[in-house]
Amino acid sequence: MTGYKFSDFIDDFLISKEVEEGCATSTIKAYRYDLQKFMELVGDLEVESPVIRQRIRLFLKKLKDKGYTKKGISRKIASLRSYFKFLTLNEFITKNPMSTIKSPKIKLEESLPKFLKISDIEKIFMKLKDRKVFNSRKSHRYYLIIRLLYSTMARVSELCNIKIRDVDFEKGYISLRGKGNKERIVPVDKTTLEIFKESLQNRIRYTPEDYLIVNTRNNKLNPRVVQADIKTIKERCGFPDSKVITPHVFRHTGATHLRRSGMDISELQDILGHSSPNTTRIYAKNDITKLKQSYSMMHPLNNSDNF
């Protein structure tokens, strides 16, 4: 097909991702953002242009010059790869220009999820309870958000979608709806549930269909508000700019701390809602302490004087 531009099939591609593959709204937005970023930096080319592969490489070079990390560049490559695969399978193009484009090699230490130390978590909770540091209408919401992110390891979109009916205060768990609208049940510690029960009692009125955490106008939170809240918390707690603290970091933090406490990878996979155990296995790599304990207990050289 000749004469068709890069932008002509984006909507069809996104509909396919949403309807046929069941991708979450946030994933669809990420795909759209990545494809629009491509057009912003190198133009809206014809999909069968002879120079499109060169323009793809130019796009990746511009991302690198702008300071994108290897992981960030890899995500853009994955989006382009998925888009051009869609064009190829639907016979909109005859040759896939991404077939020879490789993702940058990421060292293990670069790929490991960022997480906070126990002392960092303790500092955040201590500061959140200090009325000299946090003294506004939003302060209690800040505390609830951190408590829930760390205890459930929910994604920010999942957190925003939790309704009161999703919480079983008696049995001690919360139902989360994750990627592809898949539902999973995660356990929650007793103290966190008591804090939320008390929080609900302080509301003027609510129904089971209302959201668990709401804004100052009693409306549903959106992920950008939560991200802004976390940024405020980071600043007021006095963490340096170089310290990575985002909603997703609390997910990594809870997972890493559970793994270091001895939780099995398969159990952690269920809590995080990973479809593949390989995704969860990264937390084992984050945990050299647990690995060393197992090694010390199991390797023959550590358990015999006969060598």
Protein backbone atom coordinates (compact mmCIF):
# COMPACT_ATOMS: atom_id res chain seq x y z
CA MET A 1 0.00 0.00 0.00
CA THR A 2 1.45 3.35 -1.00
CA GLY A 3 0.67 6.86 0.08
CA TYR A 4 -0.42 5.95 3.62
CA LYS A 5 1.18 7.86 6.49
CA PHE A 6 2.41 6.57 9.84
CA SER A 7 -0.54 8.23 11.60
CA ASP A 8 -3.22 6.64 9.38
CA PHE A 9 -3.36 3.33 11.24
CA ILE A 10 -2.71 4.39 14.86
CA ASP A 11 -6.39 4.35 15.86
CA ASP A 12 -6.89 0.91 14.26
CA PHE A 13 -3.83 -0.37 16.09
CA LEU A 14 -5.03 0.94 19.46
CA ILE A 15 -8.51 -0.50 18.96
CA SER A 16 -6.90 -3.87 18.22
CA LYS A 17 -4.84 -3.65 21.41
CA GLU A 18 -7.87 -2.75 23.50
CA VAL A 19 -10.48 -5.10 22.01
CA GLU A 20 -8.47 -8.10 20.83
CA GLU A 21 -5.73 -8.15 23.46
CA GLY A 22 -7.60 -6.55 26.36
CA CYS A 23 -4.90 -3.97 27.13
CA ALA A 24 -5.64 -1.57 29.98
CA THR A 25 -6.50 2.07 29.34
CA SER A 26 -3.13 3.14 30.75
CA THR A 27 -1.34 0.80 28.32
CA ILE A 28 -3.31 2.20 25.37
CA LYS A 29 -2.36 5.72 26.44
CA ALA A 30 1.30 4.69 26.65
CA TYR A 31 1.21 3.25 23.12
CA ARG A 32 -0.41 6.43 21.78
CA TYR A 33 2.13 8.61 23.56
CA ASP A 34 5.08 6.64 22.17
CA LEU A 35 3.78 6.72 18.59
CA GLN A 36 3.01 10.43 18.79
CA LYS A 37 6.49 11.06 20.17
CA PHE A 38 7.91 9.31 17.10
CA MET A 39 5.99 11.63 14.77
CA GLU A 40 6.93 14.66 16.85
CA LEU A 41 10.66 13.95 16.52
CA VAL A 42 10.98 12.58 12.98
CA GLY A 43 7.72 13.42 11.20
CA ASP A 44 4.64 11.63 9.88
CA LEU A 45 6.32 9.43 7.25
CA GLU A 46 4.79 7.14 4.67
CA VAL A 47 4.70 3.64 6.20
CA GLU A 48 6.51 2.15 3.21
CA SER A 49 9.00 4.98 2.80
CA PRO A 50 12.46 3.64 1.84
CA VAL A 51 14.02 5.79 4.57
CA ILE A 52 11.72 4.77 7.44
CA ARG A 53 14.29 2.42 9.02
CA GLN A 54 16.85 5.25 9.03
CA ARG A 55 14.25 7.55 10.59
CA ILE A 56 13.56 4.99 13.31
CA ARG A 57 17.26 4.96 14.17
CA LEU A 58 17.30 8.78 14.09
CA PHE A 59 14.34 8.74 16.50
CA LEU A 60 16.24 6.49 18.92
CA LYS A 61 19.32 8.71 18.65
CA LYS A 62 17.24 11.79 19.49
CA LEU A 63 15.79 10.01 22.51
CA LYS A 64 19.30 9.17 23.71
CA ASP A 65 20.39 12.80 23.21
CA LYS A 66 17.40 13.93 25.27
CA GLY A 67 18.63 11.82 28.18
CA TYR A 68 16.22 8.89 27.94
CA THR A 69 17.38 5.82 29.85
CA LYS A 70 18.00 2.49 28.12
CA LYS A 71 14.79 1.23 29.69
CA GLY A 72 12.85 4.24 28.36
CA ILE A 73 14.28 3.76 24.87
CA SER A 74 13.47 0.03 25.02
CA ARG A 75 9.84 0.88 25.74
CA LYS A 76 9.67 3.10 22.66
CA ILE A 77 11.22 0.31 20.58
CA ALA A 78 8.65 -2.15 21.95
CA SER A 79 5.81 0.20 20.97
CA LEU A 80 7.16 0.64 17.44
CA ARG A 81 7.79 -3.07 17.14
CA SER A 82 4.20 -3.83 18.13
CA TYR A 83 2.84 -1.17 15.75
CA PHE A 84 4.79 -2.33 12.71
CA LYS A 85 3.98 -5.96 13.51
CA PHE A 86 0.30 -4.97 13.39
CA LEU A 87 0.83 -3.25 10.03
CA THR A 88 2.64 -6.31 8.67
CA LEU A 89 0.08 -8.88 9.88
CA ASN A 90 -2.75 -6.82 8.40
CA GLU A 91 -0.82 -6.45 5.12
CA PHE A 92 -0.69 -2.66 5.30
CA ILE A 93 3.06 -2.97 4.68
CA THR A 94 5.11 -5.73 3.02
CA LYS A 95 8.34 -5.39 5.01
CA ASN A 96 8.68 -4.76 8.72
CA PRO A 97 11.30 -2.00 9.28
CA MET A 98 11.71 -3.08 12.92
CA SER A 99 13.05 -6.51 11.95
CA THR A 100 16.68 -5.34 12.24
CA ILE A 101 16.24 -2.81 15.07
CA LYS A 102 17.63 -4.12 18.35
CA SER A 103 16.88 -2.96 21.89
CA PRO A 104 19.82 -1.60 23.90
CA LYS A 105 21.50 -4.08 26.20
CA ILE A 106 20.58 -3.35 29.80
CA LYS A 107 22.93 -4.47 32.57
CA LEU A 108 21.40 -6.38 35.47
CA GLU A 109 21.91 -3.50 37.90
CA GLU A 110 20.16 -1.15 35.47
CA SER A 111 17.14 -3.44 35.11
CA LEU A 112 16.54 -4.16 38.80
CA PRO A 113 13.47 -2.38 40.19
CA LYS A 114 14.17 0.62 42.41
CA PHE A 115 12.99 0.12 45.97
CA LEU A 116 13.13 1.88 49.34
CA LYS A 117 14.85 0.65 52.47
CA ILE A 118 12.84 -0.18 55.58
CA SER A 119 14.37 2.95 57.16
CA ASP A 120 13.02 5.04 54.27
CA ILE A 121 9.51 3.65 54.81
CA GLU A 122 9.76 4.31 58.55
CA LYS A 123 10.89 7.88 57.86
CA ILE A 124 7.94 8.51 55.52
CA PHE A 125 5.38 7.23 58.03
CA MET A 126 6.99 9.18 60.86
CA LYS A 127 6.92 12.41 58.84
CA LEU A 128 3.34 11.82 57.66
CA LYS A 129 2.24 11.67 61.30
CA ASP A 130 4.09 14.91 62.14
CA ARG A 131 1.57 17.76 61.98
CA LYS A 132 4.42 20.28 61.69
CA VAL A 133 5.36 18.71 58.35
CA PHE A 134 1.96 17.62 57.06
CA ASN A 135 -0.89 19.84 58.17
CA SER A 136 -3.48 20.24 55.42
CA ARG A 137 -6.77 18.75 54.29
CA LYS A 138 -4.82 16.37 52.08
CA SER A 139 -2.49 15.05 54.79
CA HIS A 140 -4.71 12.13 55.82
CA ARG A 141 -5.12 11.16 52.16
CA TYR A 142 -1.34 11.13 51.77
CA TYR A 143 -1.08 8.69 54.67
CA LEU A 144 -3.81 6.41 53.29
CA ILE A 145 -2.22 6.35 49.82
CA ILE A 146 1.22 5.37 51.11
CA ARG A 147 -0.27 2.80 53.47
CA LEU A 148 -2.26 1.17 50.68
CA LEU A 149 0.49 1.27 48.02
CA TYR A 150 3.01 -0.34 50.36
CA SER A 151 0.65 -2.93 51.89
CA THR A 152 -1.08 -4.13 48.71
CA MET A 153 1.63 -3.36 46.11
CA ALA A 154 -1.18 -2.11 43.87
CA ARG A 155 -0.45 -0.26 40.65
CA VAL A 156 -1.54 3.37 40.78
CA SER A 157 -4.46 2.72 38.41
CA GLU A 158 -5.57 -0.21 40.59
CA LEU A 159 -5.41 1.92 43.72
CA CYS A 160 -7.63 4.60 42.16
CA ASN A 161 -10.22 1.99 41.20
CA ILE A 162 -10.64 0.35 44.63
CA LYS A 163 -14.22 0.68 45.84
CA ILE A 164 -15.35 0.18 49.42
CA ARG A 165 -17.12 -3.05 48.40
CA ASP A 166 -13.75 -4.42 47.25
CA VAL A 167 -12.50 -4.52 50.85
CA ASP A 168 -13.30 -7.47 53.08
CA PHE A 169 -12.55 -6.10 56.53
CA GLU A 170 -13.39 -9.39 58.25
CA LYS A 171 -11.30 -11.77 56.12
CA GLY A 172 -8.49 -9.25 55.59
CA TYR A 173 -8.15 -8.81 51.86
CA ILE A 174 -8.80 -6.38 48.99
CA SER A 175 -9.88 -7.20 45.44
CA LEU A 176 -7.85 -5.39 42.78
CA ARG A 177 -8.56 -5.09 39.08
CA GLY A 178 -5.30 -5.12 37.16
CA LYS A 179 -4.08 -5.26 33.58
CA GLY A 180 -6.64 -6.59 31.12
CA ASN A 181 -9.31 -6.03 33.82
CA LYS A 182 -8.11 -9.20 35.58
CA GLU A 183 -9.20 -9.41 39.20
CA ARG A 184 -6.97 -10.67 41.99
CA ILE A 185 -7.29 -10.84 45.74
CA VAL A 186 -4.46 -9.57 47.93
CA PRO A 187 -4.10 -9.90 51.71
CA VAL A 188 -3.80 -6.74 53.79
CA ASP A 189 -2.43 -6.33 57.30
CA LYS A 190 -4.90 -5.85 60.15
CA THR A 191 -3.64 -2.39 61.16
CA THR A 192 -4.08 -0.98 57.65
CA LEU A 193 -7.65 -2.27 57.52
CA GLU A 194 -8.40 -0.74 60.93
CA ILE A 195 -7.05 2.61 59.73
CA PHE A 196 -9.29 2.52 56.67
CA LYS A 197 -12.31 1.45 58.73
CA GLU A 198 -11.76 4.43 61.02
CA SER A 199 -11.33 6.68 57.98
CA LEU A 200 -14.71 5.57 56.60
CA GLN A 201 -16.38 6.27 59.94
CA ASN A 202 -15.19 9.87 59.64
CA ARG A 203 -16.92 10.32 56.29
CA ILE A 204 -20.26 12.08 56.37
CA ARG A 205 -21.82 9.42 54.16
CA TYR A 206 -20.77 6.68 51.77
CA THR A 207 -22.06 3.59 49.98
CA PRO A 208 -20.27 0.34 49.06
CA GLU A 209 -20.03 1.67 45.48
CA ASP A 210 -18.01 4.72 46.55
CA TYR A 211 -14.24 4.75 46.13
CA LEU A 212 -12.01 3.82 49.06
CA ILE A 213 -9.71 6.84 48.70
CA VAL A 214 -11.21 10.09 47.46
CA ASN A 215 -10.11 13.68 46.91
CA THR A 216 -11.14 16.66 49.02
CA ARG A 217 -14.40 16.89 47.05
CA ASN A 218 -15.19 13.22 47.78
CA ASN A 219 -14.59 12.24 44.16
CA LYS A 220 -12.47 9.46 42.66
CA LEU A 221 -8.73 10.07 42.48
CA ASN A 222 -6.90 9.83 39.16
CA PRO A 223 -3.33 8.52 38.75
CA ARG A 224 -1.87 11.98 38.05
CA VAL A 225 -3.18 13.27 41.39
CA VAL A 226 -1.60 10.31 43.18
CA GLN A 227 1.70 10.92 41.37
CA ALA A 228 1.58 14.59 42.41
CA ASP A 229 0.81 13.54 46.01
CA ILE A 230 3.83 11.24 46.08
CA LYS A 231 6.01 14.04 44.73
CA THR A 232 4.78 16.33 47.53
CA ILE A 233 5.43 13.63 50.14
CA LYS A 234 8.95 13.09 48.83
CA GLU A 235 9.75 16.81 49.01
CA ARG A 236 8.29 17.36 52.48
CA CYS A 237 10.06 14.29 53.85
CA GLY A 238 13.35 15.83 52.74
CA PHE A 239 14.51 13.18 50.29
CA PRO A 240 17.06 14.38 47.70
CA ASP A 241 16.05 14.85 44.05
CA SER A 242 18.21 11.87 43.11
CA LYS A 243 16.04 9.55 45.21
CA VAL A 244 13.48 7.82 42.99
CA ILE A 245 10.12 7.82 44.78
CA THR A 246 7.03 7.21 42.65
CA PRO A 247 3.80 5.25 43.21
CA HIS A 248 5.35 2.27 41.40
CA VAL A 249 8.41 2.32 43.67
CA PHE A 250 6.15 1.37 46.61
CA ARG A 251 5.00 -1.67 44.61
CA HIS A 252 8.63 -2.70 44.06
CA THR A 253 9.44 -1.92 47.69
CA GLY A 254 6.69 -4.09 49.14
CA ALA A 255 7.60 -6.95 46.80
CA THR A 256 11.31 -6.73 47.62
CA HIS A 257 10.67 -6.61 51.37
CA LEU A 258 8.35 -9.63 51.19
CA ARG A 259 10.90 -11.58 49.18
CA ARG A 260 13.65 -10.71 51.66
CA SER A 261 11.40 -11.94 54.46
CA GLY A 262 11.18 -15.31 52.75
CA MET A 263 8.02 -15.19 50.60
CA ASP A 264 8.01 -17.73 47.79
CA ILE A 265 8.23 -16.38 44.23
CA SER A 266 4.96 -18.08 43.21
CA GLU A 267 3.13 -16.46 46.13
CA LEU A 268 4.61 -13.09 45.27
CA GLN A 269 3.52 -13.59 41.66
CA ASP A 270 -0.10 -14.02 42.80
CA ILE A 271 -0.01 -10.86 44.91
CA LEU A 272 1.56 -8.75 42.15
CA GLY A 273 -0.73 -10.15 39.47
CA HIS A 274 2.07 -11.12 37.10
CA SER A 275 0.98 -13.47 34.31
CA SER A 276 4.50 -14.87 33.98
CA PRO A 277 6.78 -16.02 36.84
CA ASN A 278 9.73 -14.57 34.89
CA THR A 279 8.42 -11.07 35.63
CA THR A 280 8.35 -11.79 39.36
CA ARG A 281 11.75 -13.48 39.34
CA ILE A 282 13.46 -10.09 39.09
CA TYR A 283 12.79 -9.69 42.83
CA ALA A 284 14.91 -12.74 43.49
CA LYS A 285 17.78 -10.96 41.76
CA ASN A 286 17.07 -7.94 43.98
CA ASP A 287 17.60 -10.15 47.01
CA ILE A 288 21.24 -11.19 47.35
CA THR A 289 20.71 -11.51 51.13
CA LYS A 290 18.13 -14.29 50.72
CA LEU A 291 20.29 -15.93 48.06
CA LYS A 292 23.31 -15.92 50.39
CA GLN A 293 21.29 -17.43 53.25
CA SER A 294 20.09 -20.27 51.02
CA TYR A 295 23.62 -20.81 49.71
CA SER A 296 25.05 -20.96 53.25
CA MET A 297 22.43 -23.47 54.35
CA MET A 298 22.55 -25.74 51.30
CA HIS A 299 26.02 -25.79 49.76
CA PRO A 300 28.11 -28.78 50.93
CA LEU A 301 31.19 -26.60 51.44
CA ASN A 302 29.36 -24.70 54.14
CA ASN A 303 28.16 -27.79 55.97
CA SER A 304 31.10 -30.15 56.17
CA ASP A 305 34.66 -30.20 57.44
CA ASN A 306 35.58 -33.06 55.12
CA PHE A 307 36.68 -30.94 52.15
